[in-house]
C-alpha cells in the first residue's frame, strides 16, 4: 500500500466520524477547527522539514506522491488533519446537544 493511499484512508475515516457528529457541534466550532488546522499544518511543515533535514527519517520516492512542502511529503500533513477530525468528532459526541 502506498503512503498516499494509506493517508487517504485515515483522512476519509476521520472525516466520516467528524461528519457524523457535526450536528452536535458547539458554537464557534468551525472557526476553531479552521484555526487549529492552520496551526497544525504550519507546525507540521516546520518540524517535519527540520527532522528530515537532520536525517532522522527519509521517504522512499516510490511510496509517496512526489509533492512536497520543502522536504516534507504532502502526505505527512494528512495525519495531523485526521487527528484533528477525530478529536473534533469526540468533542462533538460529548456536546450537550444545544444545537440539535
N, C-alpha and C. Protein backbone atom coordinates (compact mmCIF):
# COMPACT_ATOMS: atom_id res chain seq x y z
N UNK A 1 0.85 -1.17 0.00
CA UNK A 1 0.00 0.00 0.00
C UNK A 1 0.90 1.24 0.00
N UNK A 2 0.57 2.20 -0.85
CA UNK A 2 1.37 3.41 -0.93
C UNK A 2 0.98 4.37 0.18
N UNK A 3 1.89 5.27 0.47
CA UNK A 3 1.68 6.27 1.51
C UNK A 3 0.45 7.16 1.22
N UNK A 4 0.26 7.67 -0.02
CA UNK A 4 -0.93 8.47 -0.29
C UNK A 4 -2.24 7.71 -0.06
N UNK A 5 -2.26 6.44 -0.42
CA UNK A 5 -3.48 5.64 -0.23
C UNK A 5 -3.76 5.42 1.26
N UNK A 6 -2.73 5.15 2.03
CA UNK A 6 -2.88 4.97 3.47
C UNK A 6 -3.39 6.26 4.12
N UNK A 7 -2.82 7.38 3.71
CA UNK A 7 -3.24 8.68 4.26
C UNK A 7 -4.69 8.99 3.89
N UNK A 8 -5.05 8.70 2.65
CA UNK A 8 -6.43 8.94 2.20
C UNK A 8 -7.41 8.12 3.02
N UNK A 9 -7.05 6.90 3.33
CA UNK A 9 -7.91 6.05 4.15
C UNK A 9 -8.12 6.64 5.54
N UNK A 10 -7.02 7.07 6.19
CA UNK A 10 -7.12 7.66 7.52
C UNK A 10 -7.95 8.94 7.51
N UNK A 11 -7.71 9.80 6.54
CA UNK A 11 -8.45 11.07 6.48
C UNK A 11 -9.92 10.81 6.18
N UNK A 12 -10.21 9.88 5.30
CA UNK A 12 -11.61 9.57 4.96
C UNK A 12 -12.37 9.04 6.18
N UNK A 13 -11.76 8.15 6.93
CA UNK A 13 -12.42 7.63 8.14
C UNK A 13 -12.62 8.73 9.19
N UNK A 14 -11.61 9.58 9.35
CA UNK A 14 -11.72 10.67 10.31
C UNK A 14 -12.78 11.68 9.87
N UNK A 15 -12.82 11.97 8.58
CA UNK A 15 -13.82 12.91 8.06
C UNK A 15 -15.24 12.35 8.22
N UNK A 16 -15.38 11.05 8.03
CA UNK A 16 -16.67 10.41 8.24
C UNK A 16 -17.11 10.54 9.70
N UNK A 17 -16.20 10.29 10.61
CA UNK A 17 -16.52 10.42 12.04
C UNK A 17 -16.91 11.85 12.38
N UNK A 18 -16.17 12.83 11.85
CA UNK A 18 -16.48 14.23 12.11
C UNK A 18 -17.83 14.61 11.50
N UNK A 19 -18.10 14.12 10.30
CA UNK A 19 -19.37 14.43 9.64
C UNK A 19 -20.56 13.85 10.39
N UNK A 20 -20.39 12.64 10.91
CA UNK A 20 -21.49 12.00 11.64
C UNK A 20 -21.83 12.72 12.94
N UNK A 21 -20.88 13.46 13.49
CA UNK A 21 -21.11 14.16 14.76
C UNK A 21 -21.28 15.67 14.57
N UNK A 22 -21.27 16.13 13.33
CA UNK A 22 -21.29 17.57 13.03
C UNK A 22 -22.50 18.29 13.62
N UNK A 23 -23.65 17.66 13.63
CA UNK A 23 -24.87 18.31 14.15
C UNK A 23 -24.76 18.67 15.62
N UNK A 24 -23.90 18.00 16.34
CA UNK A 24 -23.75 18.25 17.78
C UNK A 24 -22.66 19.27 18.11
N UNK A 25 -22.12 19.92 17.09
CA UNK A 25 -21.01 20.84 17.31
C UNK A 25 -21.42 22.03 18.17
N UNK A 26 -20.51 22.52 19.01
CA UNK A 26 -20.80 23.69 19.83
C UNK A 26 -20.64 24.98 19.00
N UNK A 27 -21.14 26.09 19.49
CA UNK A 27 -20.97 27.36 18.77
C UNK A 27 -19.48 27.69 18.58
N UNK A 28 -19.13 28.25 17.44
CA UNK A 28 -17.75 28.62 17.16
C UNK A 28 -16.88 27.47 16.71
N UNK A 29 -17.48 26.33 16.51
CA UNK A 29 -16.73 25.11 16.19
C UNK A 29 -15.94 25.23 14.88
N UNK A 30 -16.57 25.71 13.82
CA UNK A 30 -15.91 25.77 12.53
C UNK A 30 -14.70 26.70 12.57
N UNK A 31 -14.84 27.84 13.21
CA UNK A 31 -13.73 28.78 13.31
C UNK A 31 -12.55 28.15 14.07
N UNK A 32 -12.85 27.47 15.17
CA UNK A 32 -11.80 26.81 15.95
C UNK A 32 -11.15 25.68 15.14
N UNK A 33 -11.95 24.96 14.39
CA UNK A 33 -11.44 23.87 13.56
C UNK A 33 -10.47 24.39 12.50
N UNK A 34 -10.85 25.45 11.82
CA UNK A 34 -10.00 26.02 10.76
C UNK A 34 -8.71 26.60 11.35
N UNK A 35 -8.83 27.32 12.45
CA UNK A 35 -7.64 27.90 13.09
C UNK A 35 -6.68 26.80 13.56
N UNK A 36 -7.22 25.78 14.17
CA UNK A 36 -6.38 24.67 14.64
C UNK A 36 -5.72 23.94 13.48
N UNK A 37 -6.46 23.72 12.40
CA UNK A 37 -5.89 23.06 11.22
C UNK A 37 -4.74 23.89 10.65
N UNK A 38 -4.90 25.21 10.59
CA UNK A 38 -3.84 26.08 10.07
C UNK A 38 -2.58 25.98 10.94
N UNK A 39 -2.77 26.01 12.25
CA UNK A 39 -1.62 25.90 13.17
C UNK A 39 -0.94 24.54 13.01
N UNK A 40 -1.71 23.48 12.92
CA UNK A 40 -1.14 22.14 12.77
C UNK A 40 -0.36 21.99 11.46
N UNK A 41 -0.87 22.58 10.39
CA UNK A 41 -0.18 22.49 9.10
C UNK A 41 1.14 23.25 9.16
N UNK A 42 1.14 24.43 9.76
CA UNK A 42 2.39 25.21 9.88
C UNK A 42 3.40 24.45 10.75
N UNK A 43 2.96 23.96 11.89
CA UNK A 43 3.86 23.22 12.78
C UNK A 43 4.39 21.95 12.11
N UNK A 44 3.55 21.26 11.38
CA UNK A 44 3.98 20.06 10.67
C UNK A 44 5.02 20.41 9.62
N UNK A 45 4.78 21.49 8.88
CA UNK A 45 5.74 21.91 7.86
C UNK A 45 7.10 22.23 8.47
N UNK A 46 7.08 22.99 9.56
CA UNK A 46 8.35 23.38 10.19
C UNK A 46 9.08 22.17 10.75
N UNK A 47 8.42 21.40 11.59
CA UNK A 47 9.12 20.32 12.28
C UNK A 47 9.43 19.12 11.39
N UNK A 48 8.57 18.81 10.44
CA UNK A 48 8.91 17.71 9.52
C UNK A 48 10.14 18.08 8.70
N UNK A 49 10.18 19.31 8.22
CA UNK A 49 11.34 19.73 7.44
C UNK A 49 12.62 19.70 8.27
N UNK A 50 12.54 20.13 9.52
CA UNK A 50 13.71 20.08 10.39
C UNK A 50 14.17 18.64 10.64
N UNK A 51 13.22 17.75 10.90
CA UNK A 51 13.58 16.36 11.18
C UNK A 51 14.13 15.64 9.95
N UNK A 52 13.56 15.93 8.78
CA UNK A 52 14.07 15.32 7.55
C UNK A 52 15.46 15.87 7.24
N UNK A 53 15.65 17.17 7.40
CA UNK A 53 16.96 17.79 7.15
C UNK A 53 18.02 17.24 8.10
N UNK A 54 17.62 16.92 9.33
CA UNK A 54 18.56 16.38 10.31
C UNK A 54 18.86 14.89 10.07
N UNK A 55 18.13 14.28 9.13
CA UNK A 55 18.38 12.89 8.81
C UNK A 55 17.71 11.90 9.75
N UNK A 56 16.71 12.36 10.50
CA UNK A 56 16.02 11.45 11.43
C UNK A 56 15.18 10.41 10.70
N UNK A 57 14.67 10.77 9.54
CA UNK A 57 13.94 9.81 8.72
C UNK A 57 13.93 10.27 7.27
N UNK A 58 13.57 9.36 6.38
CA UNK A 58 13.51 9.66 4.94
C UNK A 58 12.37 8.85 4.34
N UNK A 59 11.98 9.21 3.14
CA UNK A 59 10.89 8.53 2.45
C UNK A 59 11.37 7.96 1.14
N UNK A 60 10.89 6.78 0.82
CA UNK A 60 11.17 6.16 -0.47
C UNK A 60 10.34 6.88 -1.53
N UNK A 61 10.98 7.37 -2.58
CA UNK A 61 10.27 8.11 -3.62
C UNK A 61 9.19 7.28 -4.30
N UNK A 62 9.33 5.96 -4.29
CA UNK A 62 8.34 5.09 -4.93
C UNK A 62 7.04 5.01 -4.12
N UNK A 63 7.09 5.35 -2.84
CA UNK A 63 5.92 5.19 -1.97
C UNK A 63 5.16 6.49 -1.72
N UNK A 64 5.66 7.63 -2.21
CA UNK A 64 4.98 8.91 -1.98
C UNK A 64 4.55 9.51 -3.31
N UNK A 65 3.71 10.54 -3.24
CA UNK A 65 3.19 11.17 -4.45
C UNK A 65 4.23 12.01 -5.17
N UNK A 66 5.22 12.49 -4.45
CA UNK A 66 6.24 13.35 -5.05
C UNK A 66 6.02 14.82 -4.75
N UNK A 67 4.80 15.18 -4.32
CA UNK A 67 4.53 16.56 -3.93
C UNK A 67 5.12 16.81 -2.56
N UNK A 68 5.83 17.92 -2.42
CA UNK A 68 6.48 18.21 -1.16
C UNK A 68 6.29 19.67 -0.78
N UNK A 69 6.33 19.92 0.50
CA UNK A 69 6.43 21.27 1.04
C UNK A 69 7.79 21.32 1.70
N UNK A 70 8.72 21.97 1.04
CA UNK A 70 10.11 21.88 1.47
C UNK A 70 10.57 20.45 1.20
N UNK A 71 11.03 19.78 2.24
CA UNK A 71 11.45 18.38 2.10
C UNK A 71 10.36 17.40 2.55
N UNK A 72 9.31 17.93 3.16
CA UNK A 72 8.25 17.07 3.70
C UNK A 72 7.25 16.67 2.62
N UNK A 73 6.98 15.39 2.47
CA UNK A 73 5.96 14.96 1.51
C UNK A 73 4.58 15.46 1.95
N UNK A 74 3.77 15.79 0.99
CA UNK A 74 2.44 16.33 1.27
C UNK A 74 1.61 15.35 2.11
N UNK A 75 1.90 14.06 1.99
CA UNK A 75 1.15 13.06 2.75
C UNK A 75 1.34 13.22 4.26
N UNK A 76 2.46 13.78 4.69
CA UNK A 76 2.70 13.98 6.12
C UNK A 76 1.66 14.89 6.77
N UNK A 77 1.01 15.70 5.98
CA UNK A 77 0.04 16.65 6.53
C UNK A 77 -1.32 15.99 6.76
N UNK A 78 -1.49 14.78 6.28
CA UNK A 78 -2.76 14.07 6.45
C UNK A 78 -2.97 13.64 7.90
N UNK A 79 -1.91 13.23 8.58
CA UNK A 79 -2.08 12.71 9.93
C UNK A 79 -2.52 13.76 10.94
N UNK A 80 -1.95 14.96 10.96
CA UNK A 80 -2.47 15.95 11.90
C UNK A 80 -3.92 16.34 11.58
N UNK A 81 -4.26 16.39 10.30
CA UNK A 81 -5.63 16.73 9.92
C UNK A 81 -6.59 15.60 10.34
N UNK A 82 -6.20 14.36 10.12
CA UNK A 82 -7.03 13.23 10.55
C UNK A 82 -7.18 13.23 12.06
N UNK A 83 -6.11 13.50 12.78
CA UNK A 83 -6.18 13.57 14.24
C UNK A 83 -7.12 14.68 14.70
N UNK A 84 -7.04 15.82 14.05
CA UNK A 84 -7.93 16.93 14.38
C UNK A 84 -9.39 16.55 14.14
N UNK A 85 -9.66 15.90 13.03
CA UNK A 85 -11.04 15.50 12.73
C UNK A 85 -11.56 14.47 13.73
N UNK A 86 -10.71 13.53 14.14
CA UNK A 86 -11.12 12.54 15.13
C UNK A 86 -11.36 13.18 16.50
N UNK A 87 -10.48 14.09 16.88
CA UNK A 87 -10.69 14.79 18.16
C UNK A 87 -11.95 15.64 18.12
N UNK A 88 -12.21 16.24 16.97
CA UNK A 88 -13.43 17.02 16.79
C UNK A 88 -14.66 16.13 16.94
N UNK A 89 -14.62 14.96 16.35
CA UNK A 89 -15.74 14.02 16.47
C UNK A 89 -15.96 13.65 17.93
N UNK A 90 -14.88 13.37 18.63
CA UNK A 90 -15.01 13.05 20.06
C UNK A 90 -15.56 14.21 20.86
N UNK A 91 -15.10 15.40 20.57
CA UNK A 91 -15.60 16.59 21.25
C UNK A 91 -17.10 16.76 20.97
N UNK A 92 -17.48 16.60 19.72
CA UNK A 92 -18.89 16.76 19.35
C UNK A 92 -19.77 15.70 20.01
N UNK A 93 -19.25 14.50 20.17
CA UNK A 93 -20.02 13.45 20.85
C UNK A 93 -20.29 13.83 22.30
N UNK A 94 -19.37 14.56 22.89
CA UNK A 94 -19.54 14.99 24.27
C UNK A 94 -20.38 16.24 24.42
N UNK A 95 -20.75 16.88 23.29
CA UNK A 95 -21.57 18.10 23.37
C UNK A 95 -22.95 17.76 23.93
N UNK A 96 -23.51 18.73 24.59
CA UNK A 96 -24.80 18.52 25.27
C UNK A 96 -26.02 18.67 24.38
N UNK A 97 -25.83 18.90 23.09
CA UNK A 97 -26.97 18.95 22.17
C UNK A 97 -27.67 20.29 22.13
N UNK A 98 -26.98 21.39 22.43
CA UNK A 98 -27.61 22.70 22.37
C UNK A 98 -28.07 23.05 20.97
N UNK A 99 -27.39 22.49 19.95
CA UNK A 99 -27.68 22.82 18.56
C UNK A 99 -28.58 21.81 17.89
N UNK A 100 -29.07 20.83 18.60
CA UNK A 100 -29.87 19.77 17.97
C UNK A 100 -31.27 20.21 17.70
